[in-house]
Amino acid sequence: MKMYLNARAVRRQRGSALILAVFILTVMMLLSLALLRVLNQETTNVGLEINATRAWSAAQSGIDFGLARVLNRSDEASDEARDACDAVSTRAGALALAPGEGLANHTGFYGCTVALACTYRAAAADDDAEHRFAIEADATCGAQAIAARRVIEVLAYD
């Protein structure tokens, strides 16, 4: 018994392999595009995370810089304490920290800036300290698309 292909059936199936191939290629292309989009988003997220860590470190360094300037005074007079606080504040003056200018001159801080603000408050009558300082460091690191910002505030007494 021989099996013969019907010529009519063969003609009906002539383009089906092409349609199936186009469908498979389309599905694979859509999956590839989705994967590329996910990978691109993950790359951006990693960049943001790195810049956020750099900004936190820069803000901590700014706080250390401000505390050293405010607390290491020779005189304990309130006028000098207030002047030391004003000298640290970027709002009153033009003190913005950058690598080599208040921040460590290290590649980890390139592209980072820190703005410092210090507020002097005279001590209350029942305080053990003579002077109170509120120091805020506002650090930004990274390029526009993946920039991260961290703000740290500390209270210091002496």
C-alpha atoms as a PDB file:
ATOM      1  CA  MET A   1       0.000   0.000   0.000  1.00  0.00           C
ATOM      2  CA  LYS A   2       1.514   3.253  -1.118  1.00  0.00           C
ATOM      3  CA  MET A   3       0.663   6.574   0.335  1.00  0.00           C
ATOM      4  CA  TYR A   4       0.409   9.388  -2.086  1.00  0.00           C
ATOM      5  CA  LEU A   5       0.179  13.013  -1.164  1.00  0.00           C
ATOM      6  CA  ASN A   6      -2.761  14.732  -2.534  1.00  0.00           C
ATOM      7  CA  ALA A   7      -1.563  17.628  -4.703  1.00  0.00           C
ATOM      8  CA  ARG A   8      -4.360  19.812  -3.422  1.00  0.00           C
ATOM      9  CA  ALA A   9      -3.317  19.260   0.241  1.00  0.00           C
ATOM     10  CA  VAL A  10       0.278  20.116  -0.575  1.00  0.00           C
ATOM     11  CA  ARG A  11      -0.752  23.384  -2.229  1.00  0.00           C
ATOM     12  CA  ARG A  12      -2.824  24.393   0.815  1.00  0.00           C
ATOM     13  CA  GLN A  13       0.177  23.965   3.154  1.00  0.00           C
ATOM     14  CA  ARG A  14       2.662  25.754   0.951  1.00  0.00           C
ATOM     15  CA  GLY A  15       2.950  29.018   3.056  1.00  0.00           C
ATOM     16  CA  SER A  16       2.343  27.559   6.517  1.00  0.00           C
ATOM     17  CA  ALA A  17       6.048  27.104   7.352  1.00  0.00           C
ATOM     18  CA  LEU A  18       6.722  30.745   6.521  1.00  0.00           C
ATOM     19  CA  ILE A  19       3.859  31.948   8.722  1.00  0.00           C
ATOM     20  CA  LEU A  20       5.031  29.730  11.573  1.00  0.00           C
ATOM     21  CA  ALA A  21       8.613  31.008  11.225  1.00  0.00           C
ATOM     22  CA  VAL A  22       7.469  34.657  11.248  1.00  0.00           C
ATOM     23  CA  PHE A  23       5.335  34.008  14.333  1.00  0.00           C
ATOM     24  CA  ILE A  24       8.239  32.364  16.203  1.00  0.00           C
ATOM     25  CA  LEU A  25      10.628  35.178  15.247  1.00  0.00           C
ATOM     26  CA  THR A  26       8.107  37.786  16.418  1.00  0.00           C
ATOM     27  CA  VAL A  27       7.682  36.072  19.786  1.00  0.00           C
ATOM     28  CA  MET A  28      11.447  35.773  20.230  1.00  0.00           C
ATOM     29  CA  MET A  29      11.929  39.436  19.325  1.00  0.00           C
ATOM     30  CA  LEU A  30       9.315  40.522  21.885  1.00  0.00           C
ATOM     31  CA  LEU A  31      10.959  38.399  24.575  1.00  0.00           C
ATOM     32  CA  SER A  32      14.376  39.871  23.699  1.00  0.00           C
ATOM     33  CA  LEU A  33      13.031  43.425  23.893  1.00  0.00           C
ATOM     34  CA  ALA A  34      11.449  42.716  27.277  1.00  0.00           C
ATOM     35  CA  LEU A  35      14.731  41.273  28.545  1.00  0.00           C
ATOM     36  CA  LEU A  36      16.680  44.292  27.286  1.00  0.00           C
ATOM     37  CA  ARG A  37      14.264  46.638  29.033  1.00  0.00           C
ATOM     38  CA  VAL A  38      14.620  44.753  32.322  1.00  0.00           C
ATOM     39  CA  LEU A  39      18.414  44.744  32.039  1.00  0.00           C
ATOM     40  CA  ASN A  40      18.457  48.472  31.281  1.00  0.00           C
ATOM     41  CA  GLN A  41      16.280  49.194  34.323  1.00  0.00           C
ATOM     42  CA  GLU A  42      18.528  47.047  36.513  1.00  0.00           C
ATOM     43  CA  THR A  43      21.592  48.928  35.274  1.00  0.00           C
ATOM     44  CA  THR A  44      19.925  52.216  36.198  1.00  0.00           C
ATOM     45  CA  ASN A  45      18.961  50.856  39.618  1.00  0.00           C
ATOM     46  CA  VAL A  46      22.532  49.752  40.318  1.00  0.00           C
ATOM     47  CA  GLY A  47      23.806  53.199  39.313  1.00  0.00           C
ATOM     48  CA  LEU A  48      21.292  54.852  41.636  1.00  0.00           C
ATOM     49  CA  GLU A  49      22.273  52.580  44.491  1.00  0.00           C
ATOM     50  CA  ILE A  50      25.964  53.331  44.003  1.00  0.00           C
ATOM     51  CA  ASN A  51      25.318  57.087  43.867  1.00  0.00           C
ATOM     52  CA  ALA A  52      23.094  56.878  46.948  1.00  0.00           C
ATOM     53  CA  THR A  53      25.906  55.208  48.885  1.00  0.00           C
ATOM     54  CA  ARG A  54      28.385  57.797  47.613  1.00  0.00           C
ATOM     55  CA  ALA A  55      25.997  60.619  48.603  1.00  0.00           C
ATOM     56  CA  TRP A  56      25.565  59.164  52.101  1.00  0.00           C
ATOM     57  CA  SER A  57      29.352  58.951  52.520  1.00  0.00           C
ATOM     58  CA  ALA A  58      29.784  62.495  51.223  1.00  0.00           C
ATOM     59  CA  ALA A  59      27.110  63.778  53.634  1.00  0.00           C
ATOM     60  CA  GLN A  60      28.840  61.985  56.530  1.00  0.00           C
ATOM     61  CA  SER A  61      32.146  63.578  55.489  1.00  0.00           C
ATOM     62  CA  GLY A  62      30.432  66.962  55.357  1.00  0.00           C
ATOM     63  CA  ILE A  63      29.090  66.466  58.878  1.00  0.00           C
ATOM     64  CA  ASP A  64      32.583  65.523  60.085  1.00  0.00           C
ATOM     65  CA  PHE A  65      34.025  68.612  58.379  1.00  0.00           C
ATOM     66  CA  GLY A  66      31.380  70.879  59.948  1.00  0.00           C
ATOM     67  CA  LEU A  67      31.763  69.385  63.431  1.00  0.00           C
ATOM     68  CA  ALA A  68      35.551  69.771  63.282  1.00  0.00           C
ATOM     69  CA  ARG A  69      35.211  73.424  62.297  1.00  0.00           C
ATOM     70  CA  VAL A  70      32.560  74.242  64.908  1.00  0.00           C
ATOM     71  CA  LEU A  71      33.860  72.271  67.887  1.00  0.00           C
ATOM     72  CA  ASN A  72      37.595  72.971  67.497  1.00  0.00           C
ATOM     73  CA  ARG A  73      37.569  76.607  68.548  1.00  0.00           C
ATOM     74  CA  SER A  74      40.154  78.198  70.808  1.00  0.00           C
ATOM     75  CA  ASP A  75      37.738  80.531  72.626  1.00  0.00           C
ATOM     76  CA  GLU A  76      34.488  79.538  74.313  1.00  0.00           C
ATOM     77  CA  ALA A  77      32.805  82.923  73.861  1.00  0.00           C
ATOM     78  CA  SER A  78      29.354  82.688  72.314  1.00  0.00           C
ATOM     79  CA  ASP A  79      30.226  85.233  69.611  1.00  0.00           C
ATOM     80  CA  GLU A  80      33.071  83.055  68.373  1.00  0.00           C
ATOM     81  CA  ALA A  81      30.870  79.954  68.509  1.00  0.00           C
ATOM     82  CA  ARG A  82      28.225  81.742  66.451  1.00  0.00           C
ATOM     83  CA  ASP A  83      30.890  82.943  63.974  1.00  0.00           C
ATOM     84  CA  ALA A  84      32.277  79.401  63.635  1.00  0.00           C
ATOM     85  CA  CYS A  85      28.784  78.134  62.891  1.00  0.00           C
ATOM     86  CA  ASP A  86      28.193  80.893  60.334  1.00  0.00           C
ATOM     87  CA  ALA A  87      31.521  80.098  58.662  1.00  0.00           C
ATOM     88  CA  VAL A  88      30.431  76.474  58.154  1.00  0.00           C
ATOM     89  CA  SER A  89      27.048  77.351  56.699  1.00  0.00           C
ATOM     90  CA  THR A  90      26.811  77.483  52.916  1.00  0.00           C
ATOM     91  CA  ARG A  91      23.595  79.461  53.167  1.00  0.00           C
ATOM     92  CA  ALA A  92      25.354  82.396  54.819  1.00  0.00           C
ATOM     93  CA  GLY A  93      28.618  82.114  52.901  1.00  0.00           C
ATOM     94  CA  ALA A  94      29.689  80.136  49.901  1.00  0.00           C
ATOM     95  CA  LEU A  95      30.965  76.930  51.496  1.00  0.00           C
ATOM     96  CA  ALA A  96      30.230  73.995  49.239  1.00  0.00           C
ATOM     97  CA  LEU A  97      32.381  70.940  49.674  1.00  0.00           C
ATOM     98  CA  ALA A  98      33.767  69.062  46.696  1.00  0.00           C
ATOM     99  CA  PRO A  99      36.609  66.561  46.203  1.00  0.00           C
ATOM    100  CA  GLY A 100      39.820  68.243  47.326  1.00  0.00           C
ATOM    101  CA  GLU A 101      37.857  71.128  48.854  1.00  0.00           C
ATOM    102  CA  GLY A 102      36.563  69.775  52.146  1.00  0.00           C
ATOM    103  CA  LEU A 103      35.931  66.250  50.861  1.00  0.00           C
ATOM    104  CA  ALA A 104      38.659  63.682  50.365  1.00  0.00           C
ATOM    105  CA  ASN A 105      40.243  64.018  46.940  1.00  0.00           C
ATOM    106  CA  HIS A 106      39.230  60.491  46.024  1.00  0.00           C
ATOM    107  CA  THR A 107      37.562  59.080  42.914  1.00  0.00           C
ATOM    108  CA  GLY A 108      34.638  57.925  45.054  1.00  0.00           C
ATOM    109  CA  PHE A 109      33.629  61.554  45.615  1.00  0.00           C
ATOM    110  CA  TYR A 110      34.028  62.805  42.026  1.00  0.00           C
ATOM    111  CA  GLY A 111      30.741  64.257  40.862  1.00  0.00           C
ATOM    112  CA  CYS A 112      29.631  64.868  44.458  1.00  0.00           C
ATOM    113  CA  THR A 113      28.894  68.154  46.179  1.00  0.00           C
ATOM    114  CA  VAL A 114      27.930  68.817  49.776  1.00  0.00           C
ATOM    115  CA  ALA A 115      26.153  71.918  51.018  1.00  0.00           C
ATOM    116  CA  LEU A 116      26.503  72.593  54.739  1.00  0.00           C
ATOM    117  CA  ALA A 117      24.163  74.534  56.970  1.00  0.00           C
ATOM    118  CA  CYS A 118      24.790  75.328  60.622  1.00  0.00           C
ATOM    119  CA  THR A 119      22.373  76.914  63.047  1.00  0.00           C
ATOM    120  CA  TYR A 120      23.647  78.238  66.367  1.00  0.00           C
ATOM    121  CA  ARG A 121      21.373  78.111  69.376  1.00  0.00           C
ATOM    122  CA  ALA A 122      22.341  79.524  72.721  1.00  0.00           C
ATOM    123  CA  ALA A 123      22.112  76.973  75.466  1.00  0.00           C
ATOM    124  CA  ALA A 124      19.046  76.961  77.683  1.00  0.00           C
ATOM    125  CA  ALA A 125      19.450  77.811  81.355  1.00  0.00           C
ATOM    126  CA  ASP A 126      19.108  74.169  82.437  1.00  0.00           C
ATOM    127  CA  ASP A 127      21.570  72.790  79.827  1.00  0.00           C
ATOM    128  CA  ASP A 128      24.961  71.463  80.850  1.00  0.00           C
ATOM    129  CA  ALA A 129      26.443  72.723  77.566  1.00  0.00           C
ATOM    130  CA  GLU A 130      27.145  76.339  76.701  1.00  0.00           C
ATOM    131  CA  HIS A 131      26.536  76.131  72.975  1.00  0.00           C
ATOM    132  CA  ARG A 132      24.183  74.128  70.752  1.00  0.00           C
ATOM    133  CA  PHE A 133      24.701  73.609  67.035  1.00  0.00           C
ATOM    134  CA  ALA A 134      22.481  72.011  64.405  1.00  0.00           C
ATOM    135  CA  ILE A 135      24.564  71.018  61.384  1.00  0.00           C
ATOM    136  CA  GLU A 136      22.963  69.750  58.188  1.00  0.00           C
ATOM    137  CA  ALA A 137      24.832  68.227  55.232  1.00  0.00           C
ATOM    138  CA  ASP A 138      22.973  67.998  51.921  1.00  0.00           C
ATOM    139  CA  ALA A 139      24.974  65.793  49.518  1.00  0.00           C
ATOM    140  CA  THR A 140      24.293  65.079  45.852  1.00  0.00           C
ATOM    141  CA  CYS A 141      26.254  62.597  43.730  1.00  0.00           C
ATOM    142  CA  GLY A 142      25.945  61.460  40.138  1.00  0.00           C
ATOM    143  CA  ALA A 143      24.717  62.685  36.799  1.00  0.00           C
ATOM    144  CA  GLN A 144      21.228  64.029  36.217  1.00  0.00           C
ATOM    145  CA  ALA A 145      19.546  60.772  35.228  1.00  0.00           C
ATOM    146  CA  ILE A 146      20.947  58.770  38.143  1.00  0.00           C
ATOM    147  CA  ALA A 147      21.697  61.477  40.706  1.00  0.00           C
ATOM    148  CA  ALA A 148      21.129  60.625  44.356  1.00  0.00           C
ATOM    149  CA  ARG A 149      20.713  62.989  47.280  1.00  0.00           C
ATOM    150  CA  ARG A 150      21.149  62.365  51.001  1.00  0.00           C
ATOM    151  CA  VAL A 151      20.592  64.812  53.853  1.00  0.00           C
ATOM    152  CA  ILE A 152      22.009  64.223  57.334  1.00  0.00           C
ATOM    153  CA  GLU A 153      21.458  66.445  60.345  1.00  0.00           C
ATOM    154  CA  VAL A 154      23.259  66.299  63.678  1.00  0.00           C
ATOM    155  CA  LEU A 155      22.976  68.217  66.921  1.00  0.00           C
ATOM    156  CA  ALA A 156      26.191  69.081  68.750  1.00  0.00           C
ATOM    157  CA  TYR A 157      26.719  70.552  72.186  1.00  0.00           C
ATOM    158  CA  ASP A 158      29.787  71.989  73.859  1.00  0.00           C
END
